[in-house]
């Protein structure tokens, strides 16, 4: 069964690409812009029970920005979106690592799953899950 609404995919893709560009630019306001106040994120680093709420989500990004400043990569390699009328999910594979990491494991990808919800102003991210396969 195909529940996609293709006309919504460009808007959702824009939200995700804007989020990604903001991360690469280390623009915290841009990173949090399209997220709900109740965002839940499960990430590679602790805490194991996730990050909950916009303030905690925002606080989790500065260490990653610092890591990116060292020359690390965070590049979307593949992105797929499925959307209904007011909810959507997307998954992506990203090249994420230091120069040495990517040289040693060029095929390793960060897995990203996003849950989005449509509100009056457009699509916003309600849930993020980032993971790697075991080393």
Protein backbone atom coordinates (compact mmCIF):
# COMPACT_ATOMS: atom_id res chain seq x y z
CA UNK A 1 0.00 0.00 0.00
CA UNK A 2 1.44 3.36 -0.99
CA UNK A 3 0.44 6.17 1.43
CA UNK A 4 2.81 8.72 -0.05
CA UNK A 5 1.72 12.19 -1.02
CA UNK A 6 4.36 13.08 -3.62
CA UNK A 7 3.48 16.77 -3.54
CA UNK A 8 4.64 16.86 0.10
CA UNK A 9 7.99 15.27 -0.51
CA UNK A 10 9.71 18.46 -1.74
CA UNK A 11 8.65 20.32 1.42
CA UNK A 12 9.78 17.47 3.68
CA UNK A 13 13.02 17.10 1.71
CA UNK A 14 13.61 20.86 2.15
CA UNK A 15 13.13 20.58 5.94
CA UNK A 16 15.64 17.72 6.10
CA UNK A 17 18.14 19.41 3.77
CA UNK A 18 17.87 22.70 5.70
CA UNK A 19 18.52 20.76 8.94
CA UNK A 20 21.53 19.05 7.35
CA UNK A 21 22.98 22.30 5.96
CA UNK A 22 22.56 23.94 9.36
CA UNK A 23 24.52 21.12 10.99
CA UNK A 24 27.35 21.41 8.46
CA UNK A 25 27.41 25.22 8.98
CA UNK A 26 27.28 24.66 12.75
CA UNK A 27 24.19 26.90 12.94
CA UNK A 28 22.35 25.84 16.09
CA UNK A 29 19.29 28.04 15.40
CA UNK A 30 18.94 26.39 11.99
CA UNK A 31 19.37 22.90 13.44
CA UNK A 32 16.53 23.32 15.94
CA UNK A 33 14.29 25.45 13.69
CA UNK A 34 12.00 22.70 12.37
CA UNK A 35 11.70 20.65 15.56
CA UNK A 36 8.87 20.30 18.06
CA UNK A 37 9.30 21.42 21.66
CA UNK A 38 8.86 17.76 22.59
CA UNK A 39 11.55 16.39 20.24
CA UNK A 40 12.89 12.98 21.22
CA UNK A 41 16.31 12.00 19.84
CA UNK A 42 18.17 8.73 20.24
CA UNK A 43 21.76 9.34 19.25
CA UNK A 44 25.06 7.50 18.99
CA UNK A 45 26.57 9.10 22.13
CA UNK A 46 24.85 8.87 25.54
CA UNK A 47 22.43 9.28 27.13
CA UNK A 48 21.13 5.80 26.32
CA UNK A 49 17.54 6.81 27.12
CA UNK A 50 17.67 9.61 24.58
CA UNK A 51 17.46 13.37 24.57
CA UNK A 52 14.01 14.78 25.28
CA UNK A 53 12.81 18.31 24.74
CA UNK A 54 14.10 21.16 22.63
CA UNK A 55 16.49 22.55 25.26
CA UNK A 56 18.22 19.18 25.75
CA UNK A 57 18.27 18.63 21.98
CA UNK A 58 19.93 22.03 21.44
CA UNK A 59 22.48 21.31 24.18
CA UNK A 60 23.52 18.07 22.46
CA UNK A 61 24.81 19.79 19.28
CA UNK A 62 27.83 21.93 20.36
CA UNK A 63 30.11 18.90 20.97
CA UNK A 64 29.20 17.56 17.52
CA UNK A 65 29.90 20.97 15.96
CA UNK A 66 33.31 20.93 17.62
CA UNK A 67 33.98 17.48 16.17
CA UNK A 68 32.90 18.67 12.71
CA UNK A 69 35.33 21.60 13.04
CA UNK A 70 38.16 19.07 13.22
CA UNK A 71 37.52 18.16 9.58
CA UNK A 72 34.92 15.41 10.03
CA UNK A 73 32.23 14.74 7.43
CA UNK A 74 28.45 14.68 7.74
CA UNK A 75 27.07 14.07 4.23
CA UNK A 76 23.69 12.70 3.18
CA UNK A 77 24.35 9.73 0.90
CA UNK A 78 20.79 8.46 0.47
CA UNK A 79 17.37 9.77 1.57
CA UNK A 80 13.89 8.26 1.28
CA UNK A 81 10.60 9.80 2.46
CA UNK A 82 7.13 8.34 3.04
CA UNK A 83 4.35 10.80 3.84
CA UNK A 84 0.70 10.67 4.74
CA UNK A 85 -1.59 13.65 5.21
CA UNK A 86 -0.14 14.79 8.52
CA UNK A 87 2.66 12.39 9.48
CA UNK A 88 5.74 11.26 7.62
CA UNK A 89 8.94 9.40 8.18
CA UNK A 90 12.23 9.54 6.41
CA UNK A 91 15.33 7.44 6.56
CA UNK A 92 18.77 8.37 5.38
CA UNK A 93 22.29 7.01 5.19
CA UNK A 94 25.07 9.51 5.87
CA UNK A 95 28.82 9.48 5.48
CA UNK A 96 29.75 10.54 8.97
CA UNK A 97 33.25 10.31 10.30
CA UNK A 98 36.71 11.72 10.56
CA UNK A 99 39.05 11.51 7.60
CA UNK A 100 40.73 8.49 9.23
CA UNK A 101 37.39 6.81 10.02
CA UNK A 102 36.21 7.17 6.43
CA UNK A 103 39.54 5.99 5.04
CA UNK A 104 39.48 2.87 7.26
CA UNK A 105 35.77 2.11 6.68
CA UNK A 106 34.70 3.85 3.47
CA UNK A 107 31.38 1.97 3.26
CA UNK A 108 30.26 2.63 6.85
CA UNK A 109 27.18 4.81 7.09
CA UNK A 110 25.34 6.58 9.88
CA UNK A 111 21.69 5.53 9.84
CA UNK A 112 19.11 8.25 10.42
CA UNK A 113 15.37 7.90 10.91
CA UNK A 114 13.15 10.97 11.25
CA UNK A 115 9.51 11.17 12.28
CA UNK A 116 7.74 14.32 11.09
CA UNK A 117 4.36 15.88 11.75
CA UNK A 118 2.48 18.49 9.75
CA UNK A 119 1.42 21.56 11.71
CA UNK A 120 -0.14 24.81 10.55
CA UNK A 121 3.26 26.22 9.55
CA UNK A 122 4.48 23.10 7.69
CA UNK A 123 6.39 19.93 8.49
CA UNK A 124 8.37 19.65 11.74
CA UNK A 125 10.60 16.93 13.14
CA UNK A 126 9.19 15.13 16.18
CA UNK A 127 11.62 12.21 16.44
CA UNK A 128 15.25 11.50 15.42
CA UNK A 129 17.20 8.29 15.69
CA UNK A 130 20.89 8.13 14.71
CA UNK A 131 22.84 4.86 14.83
CA UNK A 132 25.84 3.01 13.48
CA UNK A 133 26.21 -0.69 13.02
CA UNK A 134 28.61 -2.30 15.47
CA UNK A 135 32.27 -1.56 14.72
